[in-house]
Amino acid sequence: NSGEPRRHQALVAQRPVMLRRSVAANIAYALSVKGIVEPDRLDAAL
């Protein structure tokens, strides 16, 4: 229903790739890539 579906999707595989950083920093990096600036979002994900 949208012309840009990948912007609104995510995929988790059997063996997910973990970045060489902390648990919190993994989530923070994903937020930064998506341009999401919500101070409480990281804590909510944890």
All heavy atoms as atom14 arrays in JSON, in Angstrom:
{
  "sequence": "NSGEPRRHQALVAQRPVMLRRSVAANIAYALSVKGIVEPDRLDAAL",
  "atom14_mask": [
    [1, 1, 1, 1, 1, 1, 1, 1, 0, 0, 0, 0, 0, 0],
    [1, 1, 1, 1, 1, 1, 0, 0, 0, 0, 0, 0, 0, 0],
    [1, 1, 1, 1, 0, 0, 0, 0, 0, 0, 0, 0, 0, 0],
    [1, 1, 1, 1, 1, 1, 1, 1, 1, 0, 0, 0, 0, 0],
    [1, 1, 1, 1, 1, 1, 1, 0, 0, 0, 0, 0, 0, 0],
    [1, 1, 1, 1, 1, 1, 1, 1, 1, 1, 1, 0, 0, 0],
    [1, 1, 1, 1, 1, 1, 1, 1, 1, 1, 1, 0, 0, 0],
    [1, 1, 1, 1, 1, 1, 1, 1, 1, 1, 0, 0, 0, 0],
    [1, 1, 1, 1, 1, 1, 1, 1, 1, 0, 0, 0, 0, 0],
    [1, 1, 1, 1, 1, 0, 0, 0, 0, 0, 0, 0, 0, 0],
    [1, 1, 1, 1, 1, 1, 1, 1, 0, 0, 0, 0, 0, 0],
    [1, 1, 1, 1, 1, 1, 1, 0, 0, 0, 0, 0, 0, 0],
    [1, 1, 1, 1, 1, 0, 0, 0, 0, 0, 0, 0, 0, 0],
    [1, 1, 1, 1, 1, 1, 1, 1, 1, 0, 0, 0, 0, 0],
    [1, 1, 1, 1, 1, 1, 1, 1, 1, 1, 1, 0, 0, 0],
    [1, 1, 1, 1, 1, 1, 1, 0, 0, 0, 0, 0, 0, 0],
    [1, 1, 1, 1, 1, 1, 1, 0, 0, 0, 0, 0, 0, 0],
    [1, 1, 1, 1, 1, 1, 1, 1, 0, 0, 0, 0, 0, 0],
    [1, 1, 1, 1, 1, 1, 1, 1, 0, 0, 0, 0, 0, 0],
    [1, 1, 1, 1, 1, 1, 1, 1, 1, 1, 1, 0, 0, 0],
    [1, 1, 1, 1, 1, 1, 1, 1, 1, 1, 1, 0, 0, 0],
    [1, 1, 1, 1, 1, 1, 0, 0, 0, 0, 0, 0, 0, 0],
    [1, 1, 1, 1, 1, 1, 1, 0, 0, 0, 0, 0, 0, 0],
    [1, 1, 1, 1, 1, 0, 0, 0, 0, 0, 0, 0, 0, 0],
    [1, 1, 1, 1, 1, 0, 0, 0, 0, 0, 0, 0, 0, 0],
    [1, 1, 1, 1, 1, 1, 1, 1, 0, 0, 0, 0, 0, 0],
    [1, 1, 1, 1, 1, 1, 1, 1, 0, 0, 0, 0, 0, 0],
    [1, 1, 1, 1, 1, 0, 0, 0, 0, 0, 0, 0, 0, 0],
    [1, 1, 1, 1, 1, 1, 1, 1, 1, 1, 1, 1, 0, 0],
    [1, 1, 1, 1, 1, 0, 0, 0, 0, 0, 0, 0, 0, 0],
    [1, 1, 1, 1, 1, 1, 1, 1, 0, 0, 0, 0, 0, 0],
    [1, 1, 1, 1, 1, 1, 0, 0, 0, 0, 0, 0, 0, 0],
    [1, 1, 1, 1, 1, 1, 1, 0, 0, 0, 0, 0, 0, 0],
    [1, 1, 1, 1, 1, 1, 1, 1, 1, 0, 0, 0, 0, 0],
    [1, 1, 1, 1, 0, 0, 0, 0, 0, 0, 0, 0, 0, 0],
    [1, 1, 1, 1, 1, 1, 1, 1, 0, 0, 0, 0, 0, 0],
    [1, 1, 1, 1, 1, 1, 1, 0, 0, 0, 0, 0, 0, 0],
    [1, 1, 1, 1, 1, 1, 1, 1, 1, 0, 0, 0, 0, 0],
    [1, 1, 1, 1, 1, 1, 1, 0, 0, 0, 0, 0, 0, 0],
    [1, 1, 1, 1, 1, 1, 1, 1, 0, 0, 0, 0, 0, 0],
    [1, 1, 1, 1, 1, 1, 1, 1, 1, 1, 1, 0, 0, 0],
    [1, 1, 1, 1, 1, 1, 1, 1, 0, 0, 0, 0, 0, 0],
    [1, 1, 1, 1, 1, 1, 1, 1, 0, 0, 0, 0, 0, 0],
    [1, 1, 1, 1, 1, 0, 0, 0, 0, 0, 0, 0, 0, 0],
    [1, 1, 1, 1, 1, 0, 0, 0, 0, 0, 0, 0, 0, 0],
    [1, 1, 1, 1, 1, 1, 1, 1, 0, 0, 0, 0, 0, 0]
  ],
  "atom14_positions": [
    [[0.81, -1.2, 0.0], [0.0, 0.0, 0.0], [0.85, 1.26, 0.0], [0.34, 2.36, 0.03], [-0.94, 0.0, 1.22], [-2.06, 0.99, 1.08], [-2.59, 1.17, 0.0], [-2.43, 1.65, 2.17], [0.0, 0.0, 0.0], [0.0, 0.0, 0.0], [0.0, 0.0, 0.0], [0.0, 0.0, 0.0], [0.0, 0.0, 0.0], [0.0, 0.0, 0.0]],
    [[2.17, 1.09, 0.0], [3.09, 2.21, -0.02], [4.16, 1.93, -1.05], [4.5, 0.78, -1.33], [3.73, 2.4, 1.36], [4.87, 3.24, 1.27], [0.0, 0.0, 0.0], [0.0, 0.0, 0.0], [0.0, 0.0, 0.0], [0.0, 0.0, 0.0], [0.0, 0.0, 0.0], [0.0, 0.0, 0.0], [0.0, 0.0, 0.0], [0.0, 0.0, 0.0]],
    [[4.73, 2.97, -1.61], [5.76, 2.8, -2.61], [7.13, 2.49, -2.04], [8.05, 2.18, -2.8], [0.0, 0.0, 0.0], [0.0, 0.0, 0.0], [0.0, 0.0, 0.0], [0.0, 0.0, 0.0], [0.0, 0.0, 0.0], [0.0, 0.0, 0.0], [0.0, 0.0, 0.0], [0.0, 0.0, 0.0], [0.0, 0.0, 0.0], [0.0, 0.0, 0.0]],
    [[7.3, 2.58, -0.73], [8.61, 2.36, -0.12], [8.49, 1.36, 1.02], [8.74, 1.68, 2.19], [9.2, 3.67, 0.4], [9.43, 4.71, -0.69], [10.01, 5.98, -0.14], [9.72, 6.33, 1.03], [10.77, 6.63, -0.85], [0.0, 0.0, 0.0], [0.0, 0.0, 0.0], [0.0, 0.0, 0.0], [0.0, 0.0, 0.0], [0.0, 0.0, 0.0]],
    [[8.13, 0.11, 0.73], [7.85, -0.86, 1.8], [9.04, -1.17, 2.67], [8.89, -1.42, 3.87], [7.38, -2.1, 1.03], [7.96, -1.95, -0.34], [7.95, -0.48, -0.61], [0.0, 0.0, 0.0], [0.0, 0.0, 0.0], [0.0, 0.0, 0.0], [0.0, 0.0, 0.0], [0.0, 0.0, 0.0], [0.0, 0.0, 0.0], [0.0, 0.0, 0.0]],
    [[10.27, -1.22, 2.12], [11.41, -1.62, 2.92], [11.67, -0.68, 4.09], [12.26, -1.08, 5.1], [12.67, -1.71, 2.04], [12.72, -2.93, 1.13], [12.97, -4.21, 1.91], [14.23, -4.22, 2.6], [15.4, -4.48, 2.05], [15.47, -4.77, 0.76], [16.52, -4.46, 2.76], [0.0, 0.0, 0.0], [0.0, 0.0, 0.0], [0.0, 0.0, 0.0]],
    [[11.24, 0.57, 3.97], [11.43, 1.52, 5.07], [10.62, 1.11, 6.3], [10.93, 1.54, 7.41], [11.0, 2.92, 4.63], [11.91, 3.59, 3.62], [11.42, 4.97, 3.31], [11.24, 5.76, 4.52], [10.54, 6.89, 4.57], [9.92, 7.33, 3.5], [10.43, 7.56, 5.71], [0.0, 0.0, 0.0], [0.0, 0.0, 0.0], [0.0, 0.0, 0.0]],
    [[9.6, 0.29, 6.1], [8.68, -0.05, 7.18], [8.76, -1.52, 7.56], [7.83, -2.05, 8.13], [7.26, 0.31, 6.77], [7.11, 1.71, 6.3], [7.19, 2.79, 7.14], [6.9, 2.22, 5.05], [7.03, 3.91, 6.44], [6.87, 3.58, 5.18], [0.0, 0.0, 0.0], [0.0, 0.0, 0.0], [0.0, 0.0, 0.0], [0.0, 0.0, 0.0]],
    [[9.89, -2.16, 7.21], [10.03, -3.58, 7.47], [11.35, -3.88, 8.19], [12.29, -3.09, 8.14], [10.01, -4.37, 6.16], [8.76, -4.23, 5.34], [8.84, -5.01, 4.04], [9.81, -5.73, 3.79], [7.83, -4.87, 3.21], [0.0, 0.0, 0.0], [0.0, 0.0, 0.0], [0.0, 0.0, 0.0], [0.0, 0.0, 0.0], [0.0, 0.0, 0.0]],
    [[11.39, -5.04, 8.83], [12.64, -5.54, 9.42], [12.62, -7.06, 9.3], [11.54, -7.67, 9.19], [12.77, -5.12, 10.88], [0.0, 0.0, 0.0], [0.0, 0.0, 0.0], [0.0, 0.0, 0.0], [0.0, 0.0, 0.0], [0.0, 0.0, 0.0], [0.0, 0.0, 0.0], [0.0, 0.0, 0.0], [0.0, 0.0, 0.0], [0.0, 0.0, 0.0]],
    [[13.8, -7.67, 9.32], [13.91, -9.12, 9.25], [14.9, -9.6, 10.31], [15.97, -9.01, 10.48], [14.38, -9.56, 7.86], [14.47, -11.08, 7.64], [14.07, -11.44, 6.21], [15.89, -11.61, 7.9], [0.0, 0.0, 0.0], [0.0, 0.0, 0.0], [0.0, 0.0, 0.0], [0.0, 0.0, 0.0], [0.0, 0.0, 0.0], [0.0, 0.0, 0.0]],
    [[14.53, -10.66, 11.01], [15.4, -11.31, 11.98], [15.64, -12.74, 11.51], [14.68, -13.49, 11.29], [14.8, -11.3, 13.4], [15.67, -12.12, 14.36], [14.67, -9.86, 13.91], [0.0, 0.0, 0.0], [0.0, 0.0, 0.0], [0.0, 0.0, 0.0], [0.0, 0.0, 0.0], [0.0, 0.0, 0.0], [0.0, 0.0, 0.0], [0.0, 0.0, 0.0]],
    [[16.9, -13.11, 11.35], [17.27, -14.43, 10.83], [17.55, -15.41, 11.96], [17.55, -15.05, 13.15], [18.49, -14.3, 9.93], [0.0, 0.0, 0.0], [0.0, 0.0, 0.0], [0.0, 0.0, 0.0], [0.0, 0.0, 0.0], [0.0, 0.0, 0.0], [0.0, 0.0, 0.0], [0.0, 0.0, 0.0], [0.0, 0.0, 0.0], [0.0, 0.0, 0.0]],
    [[17.8, -16.66, 11.57], [18.13, -17.69, 12.56], [19.35, -17.3, 13.38], [19.39, -17.49, 14.59], [18.44, -19.01, 11.86], [17.26, -19.74, 11.29], [17.68, -21.09, 10.73], [18.56, -21.75, 11.27], [17.06, -21.5, 9.64], [0.0, 0.0, 0.0], [0.0, 0.0, 0.0], [0.0, 0.0, 0.0], [0.0, 0.0, 0.0], [0.0, 0.0, 0.0]],
    [[20.36, -16.79, 12.7], [21.62, -16.39, 13.35], [21.85, -14.91, 13.08], [22.55, -14.54, 12.14], [22.79, -17.23, 12.83], [22.68, -18.7, 13.17], [23.87, -19.47, 12.62], [23.83, -20.87, 12.99], [23.16, -21.81, 12.32], [22.45, -21.46, 11.24], [23.16, -23.06, 12.72], [0.0, 0.0, 0.0], [0.0, 0.0, 0.0], [0.0, 0.0, 0.0]],
    [[21.27, -14.05, 13.9], [21.37, -12.61, 13.64], [22.8, -12.1, 13.79], [23.59, -12.63, 14.58], [20.45, -12.0, 14.71], [20.43, -13.01, 15.81], [20.51, -14.35, 15.12], [0.0, 0.0, 0.0], [0.0, 0.0, 0.0], [0.0, 0.0, 0.0], [0.0, 0.0, 0.0], [0.0, 0.0, 0.0], [0.0, 0.0, 0.0], [0.0, 0.0, 0.0]],
    [[23.12, -11.08, 13.02], [24.44, -10.47, 13.08], [24.49, -9.51, 14.26], [23.65, -8.61, 14.39], [24.75, -9.72, 11.78], [26.08, -8.98, 11.9], [24.78, -10.69, 10.61], [0.0, 0.0, 0.0], [0.0, 0.0, 0.0], [0.0, 0.0, 0.0], [0.0, 0.0, 0.0], [0.0, 0.0, 0.0], [0.0, 0.0, 0.0], [0.0, 0.0, 0.0]],
    [[25.46, -9.7, 15.13], [25.67, -8.82, 16.26], [26.85, -7.89, 15.97], [27.93, -8.34, 15.56], [25.99, -9.63, 17.53], [24.86, -10.55, 18.0], [23.46, -9.65, 18.73], [22.21, -9.83, 17.45], [0.0, 0.0, 0.0], [0.0, 0.0, 0.0], [0.0, 0.0, 0.0], [0.0, 0.0, 0.0], [0.0, 0.0, 0.0], [0.0, 0.0, 0.0]],
    [[26.64, -6.6, 16.14], [27.73, -5.65, 15.96], [28.73, -5.79, 17.1], [28.39, -6.2, 18.21], [27.19, -4.23, 15.91], [26.15, -3.95, 14.81], [25.66, -2.52, 14.92], [26.73, -4.23, 13.44], [0.0, 0.0, 0.0], [0.0, 0.0, 0.0], [0.0, 0.0, 0.0], [0.0, 0.0, 0.0], [0.0, 0.0, 0.0], [0.0, 0.0, 0.0]],
    [[29.97, -5.43, 16.82], [31.02, -5.55, 17.82], [30.95, -4.38, 18.8], [31.82, -3.5, 18.86], [32.39, -5.59, 17.13], [33.5, -6.17, 17.99], [34.82, -6.15, 17.25], [34.78, -6.99, 16.07], [35.03, -8.3, 16.06], [35.32, -8.91, 17.2], [34.99, -8.98, 14.94], [0.0, 0.0, 0.0], [0.0, 0.0, 0.0], [0.0, 0.0, 0.0]],
    [[29.88, -4.39, 19.57], [29.64, -3.33, 20.56], [28.63, -3.87, 21.58], [28.21, -5.01, 21.49], [29.14, -2.06, 19.88], [27.9, -2.23, 19.04], [27.62, -0.99, 18.2], [28.57, -0.85, 17.1], [28.62, 0.2, 16.29], [27.81, 1.23, 16.49], [29.48, 0.25, 15.29], [0.0, 0.0, 0.0], [0.0, 0.0, 0.0], [0.0, 0.0, 0.0]],
    [[28.25, -3.05, 22.53], [27.39, -3.52, 23.62], [25.96, -3.77, 23.14], [25.57, -3.38, 22.03], [27.36, -2.49, 24.75], [26.62, -1.34, 24.36], [0.0, 0.0, 0.0], [0.0, 0.0, 0.0], [0.0, 0.0, 0.0], [0.0, 0.0, 0.0], [0.0, 0.0, 0.0], [0.0, 0.0, 0.0], [0.0, 0.0, 0.0], [0.0, 0.0, 0.0]],
    [[25.18, -4.41, 24.01], [23.77, -4.65, 23.73], [23.05, -3.33, 23.44], [22.37, -3.17, 22.43], [23.11, -5.38, 24.91], [21.59, -5.38, 24.79], [23.64, -6.81, 25.01], [0.0, 0.0, 0.0], [0.0, 0.0, 0.0], [0.0, 0.0, 0.0], [0.0, 0.0, 0.0], [0.0, 0.0, 0.0], [0.0, 0.0, 0.0], [0.0, 0.0, 0.0]],
    [[23.23, -2.36, 24.34], [22.57, -1.07, 24.17], [23.04, -0.37, 22.9], [22.24, 0.24, 22.18], [22.8, -0.19, 25.39], [0.0, 0.0, 0.0], [0.0, 0.0, 0.0], [0.0, 0.0, 0.0], [0.0, 0.0, 0.0], [0.0, 0.0, 0.0], [0.0, 0.0, 0.0], [0.0, 0.0, 0.0], [0.0, 0.0, 0.0], [0.0, 0.0, 0.0]],
    [[24.33, -0.47, 22.62], [24.87, 0.21, 21.43], [24.38, -0.43, 20.15], [24.24, 0.25, 19.12], [26.4, 0.21, 21.48], [0.0, 0.0, 0.0], [0.0, 0.0, 0.0], [0.0, 0.0, 0.0], [0.0, 0.0, 0.0], [0.0, 0.0, 0.0], [0.0, 0.0, 0.0], [0.0, 0.0, 0.0], [0.0, 0.0, 0.0], [0.0, 0.0, 0.0]],
    [[24.12, -1.74, 20.17], [23.52, -2.38, 19.0], [22.16, -1.77, 18.68], [21.85, -1.49, 17.52], [23.36, -3.88, 19.25], [24.49, -4.72, 18.7], [24.4, -5.27, 17.6], [25.58, -4.8, 19.45], [0.0, 0.0, 0.0], [0.0, 0.0, 0.0], [0.0, 0.0, 0.0], [0.0, 0.0, 0.0], [0.0, 0.0, 0.0], [0.0, 0.0, 0.0]],
    [[21.36, -1.56, 19.7], [20.04, -0.97, 19.49], [20.16, 0.49, 19.1], [19.47, 0.97, 18.18], [19.18, -1.13, 20.76], [18.97, -2.62, 21.06], [17.83, -0.43, 20.59], [18.29, -2.89, 22.39], [0.0, 0.0, 0.0], [0.0, 0.0, 0.0], [0.0, 0.0, 0.0], [0.0, 0.0, 0.0], [0.0, 0.0, 0.0], [0.0, 0.0, 0.0]],
    [[21.06, 1.21, 19.77], [21.25, 2.63, 19.46], [21.69, 2.83, 18.01], [21.26, 3.78, 17.34], [22.27, 3.24, 20.42], [0.0, 0.0, 0.0], [0.0, 0.0, 0.0], [0.0, 0.0, 0.0], [0.0, 0.0, 0.0], [0.0, 0.0, 0.0], [0.0, 0.0, 0.0], [0.0, 0.0, 0.0], [0.0, 0.0, 0.0], [0.0, 0.0, 0.0]],
    [[22.54, 1.93, 17.52], [23.0, 2.04, 16.14], [21.83, 1.85, 15.17], [21.69, 2.6, 14.19], [24.08, 1.01, 15.85], [24.57, 1.03, 14.42], [25.47, 2.01, 14.01], [24.11, 0.1, 13.49], [25.9, 2.05, 12.69], [24.54, 0.14, 12.17], [25.44, 1.11, 11.78], [25.87, 1.15, 10.47], [0.0, 0.0, 0.0], [0.0, 0.0, 0.0]],
    [[20.97, 0.86, 15.44], [19.8, 0.64, 14.57], [18.9, 1.86, 14.56], [18.37, 2.26, 13.51], [19.04, -0.59, 15.04], [0.0, 0.0, 0.0], [0.0, 0.0, 0.0], [0.0, 0.0, 0.0], [0.0, 0.0, 0.0], [0.0, 0.0, 0.0], [0.0, 0.0, 0.0], [0.0, 0.0, 0.0], [0.0, 0.0, 0.0], [0.0, 0.0, 0.0]],
    [[18.72, 2.49, 15.71], [17.91, 3.7, 15.78], [18.53, 4.83, 14.97], [17.83, 5.56, 14.26], [17.74, 4.13, 17.24], [16.87, 3.23, 18.12], [16.98, 3.64, 19.58], [15.42, 3.28, 17.67], [0.0, 0.0, 0.0], [0.0, 0.0, 0.0], [0.0, 0.0, 0.0], [0.0, 0.0, 0.0], [0.0, 0.0, 0.0], [0.0, 0.0, 0.0]],
    [[19.84, 4.97, 15.06], [20.51, 6.06, 14.33], [20.42, 5.85, 12.82], [20.23, 6.81, 12.07], [21.97, 6.17, 14.77], [22.73, 5.04, 14.33], [0.0, 0.0, 0.0], [0.0, 0.0, 0.0], [0.0, 0.0, 0.0], [0.0, 0.0, 0.0], [0.0, 0.0, 0.0], [0.0, 0.0, 0.0], [0.0, 0.0, 0.0], [0.0, 0.0, 0.0]],
    [[20.55, 4.61, 12.38], [20.45, 4.32, 10.94], [19.06, 4.69, 10.41], [18.92, 5.2, 9.3], [20.75, 2.83, 10.67], [20.36, 2.43, 9.25], [22.22, 2.54, 10.91], [0.0, 0.0, 0.0], [0.0, 0.0, 0.0], [0.0, 0.0, 0.0], [0.0, 0.0, 0.0], [0.0, 0.0, 0.0], [0.0, 0.0, 0.0], [0.0, 0.0, 0.0]],
    [[18.04, 4.44, 11.21], [16.67, 4.75, 10.81], [16.31, 6.22, 11.06], [15.21, 6.66, 10.7], [15.68, 3.86, 11.56], [15.68, 2.41, 11.11], [15.01, 2.26, 9.76], [14.83, 0.8, 9.39], [14.09, 0.63, 8.12], [0.0, 0.0, 0.0], [0.0, 0.0, 0.0], [0.0, 0.0, 0.0], [0.0, 0.0, 0.0], [0.0, 0.0, 0.0]],
    [[17.21, 6.96, 11.69], [16.93, 8.36, 11.97], [15.87, 8.57, 13.03], [15.17, 9.58, 13.04], [0.0, 0.0, 0.0], [0.0, 0.0, 0.0], [0.0, 0.0, 0.0], [0.0, 0.0, 0.0], [0.0, 0.0, 0.0], [0.0, 0.0, 0.0], [0.0, 0.0, 0.0], [0.0, 0.0, 0.0], [0.0, 0.0, 0.0], [0.0, 0.0, 0.0]],
    [[15.76, 7.6, 13.94], [14.76, 7.67, 15.0], [15.37, 8.34, 16.22], [16.35, 7.86, 16.79], [14.23, 6.28, 15.36], [13.52, 5.66, 14.15], [13.28, 6.35, 16.56], [13.08, 4.23, 14.36], [0.0, 0.0, 0.0], [0.0, 0.0, 0.0], [0.0, 0.0, 0.0], [0.0, 0.0, 0.0], [0.0, 0.0, 0.0], [0.0, 0.0, 0.0]],
    [[14.81, 9.48, 16.61], [15.29, 10.22, 17.78], [14.16, 10.23, 18.8], [13.32, 11.13, 18.83], [15.71, 11.65, 17.41], [16.26, 12.37, 18.64], [16.74, 11.64, 16.29], [0.0, 0.0, 0.0], [0.0, 0.0, 0.0], [0.0, 0.0, 0.0], [0.0, 0.0, 0.0], [0.0, 0.0, 0.0], [0.0, 0.0, 0.0], [0.0, 0.0, 0.0]],
    [[14.13, 9.19, 19.61], [13.14, 9.08, 20.68], [13.89, 8.64, 21.93], [14.3, 7.49, 22.04], [12.05, 8.05, 20.32], [11.21, 8.43, 19.12], [10.13, 7.4, 18.82], [9.76, 6.64, 19.74], [9.68, 7.36, 17.67], [0.0, 0.0, 0.0], [0.0, 0.0, 0.0], [0.0, 0.0, 0.0], [0.0, 0.0, 0.0], [0.0, 0.0, 0.0]],
    [[14.09, 9.53, 22.88], [14.93, 9.23, 24.06], [14.53, 7.96, 24.8], [15.39, 7.27, 25.35], [14.75, 10.48, 24.94], [14.4, 11.57, 23.97], [13.59, 10.91, 22.9], [0.0, 0.0, 0.0], [0.0, 0.0, 0.0], [0.0, 0.0, 0.0], [0.0, 0.0, 0.0], [0.0, 0.0, 0.0], [0.0, 0.0, 0.0], [0.0, 0.0, 0.0]],
    [[13.26, 7.62, 24.81], [12.81, 6.47, 25.59], [12.8, 5.17, 24.79], [12.53, 4.1, 25.34], [11.39, 6.72, 26.13], [11.36, 7.9, 27.1], [12.39, 8.15, 27.74], [10.3, 8.55, 27.2], [0.0, 0.0, 0.0], [0.0, 0.0, 0.0], [0.0, 0.0, 0.0], [0.0, 0.0, 0.0], [0.0, 0.0, 0.0], [0.0, 0.0, 0.0]],
    [[13.07, 5.25, 23.49], [12.93, 4.08, 22.63], [13.96, 3.0, 22.97], [13.66, 1.8, 22.96], [13.07, 4.48, 21.17], [12.65, 3.41, 20.17], [11.15, 3.26, 20.16], [10.71, 2.27, 19.18], [9.47, 1.86, 19.03], [8.5, 2.35, 19.79], [9.15, 0.95, 18.14], [0.0, 0.0, 0.0], [0.0, 0.0, 0.0], [0.0, 0.0, 0.0]],
    [[15.18, 3.4, 23.28], [16.22, 2.44, 23.62], [15.85, 1.68, 24.9], [15.94, 0.45, 24.94], [17.56, 3.15, 23.8], [18.73, 2.31, 24.32], [18.98, 1.09, 23.43], [19.99, 3.16, 24.42], [0.0, 0.0, 0.0], [0.0, 0.0, 0.0], [0.0, 0.0, 0.0], [0.0, 0.0, 0.0], [0.0, 0.0, 0.0], [0.0, 0.0, 0.0]],
    [[15.43, 2.4, 25.91], [15.05, 1.74, 27.16], [13.85, 0.82, 26.96], [13.78, -0.27, 27.54], [14.73, 2.78, 28.24], [15.97, 3.49, 28.76], [17.08, 2.93, 28.59], [15.83, 4.59, 29.32], [0.0, 0.0, 0.0], [0.0, 0.0, 0.0], [0.0, 0.0, 0.0], [0.0, 0.0, 0.0], [0.0, 0.0, 0.0], [0.0, 0.0, 0.0]],
    [[12.9, 1.25, 26.12], [11.73, 0.42, 25.85], [12.13, -0.87, 25.14], [11.59, -1.94, 25.43], [10.73, 1.2, 25.01], [0.0, 0.0, 0.0], [0.0, 0.0, 0.0], [0.0, 0.0, 0.0], [0.0, 0.0, 0.0], [0.0, 0.0, 0.0], [0.0, 0.0, 0.0], [0.0, 0.0, 0.0], [0.0, 0.0, 0.0], [0.0, 0.0, 0.0]],
    [[13.1, -0.78, 24.22], [13.55, -1.98, 23.51], [14.29, -2.93, 24.45], [14.11, -4.15, 24.38], [14.45, -1.58, 22.35], [0.0, 0.0, 0.0], [0.0, 0.0, 0.0], [0.0, 0.0, 0.0], [0.0, 0.0, 0.0], [0.0, 0.0, 0.0], [0.0, 0.0, 0.0], [0.0, 0.0, 0.0], [0.0, 0.0, 0.0], [0.0, 0.0, 0.0]],
    [[15.11, -2.38, 25.32], [15.79, -3.23, 26.31], [14.79, -3.94, 27.19], [14.93, -5.13, 27.5], [16.74, -2.38, 27.15], [17.99, -1.85, 26.46], [18.69, -0.82, 27.35], [18.94, -2.98, 26.1], [0.0, 0.0, 0.0], [0.0, 0.0, 0.0], [0.0, 0.0, 0.0], [0.0, 0.0, 0.0], [0.0, 0.0, 0.0], [0.0, 0.0, 0.0]]
  ]
}
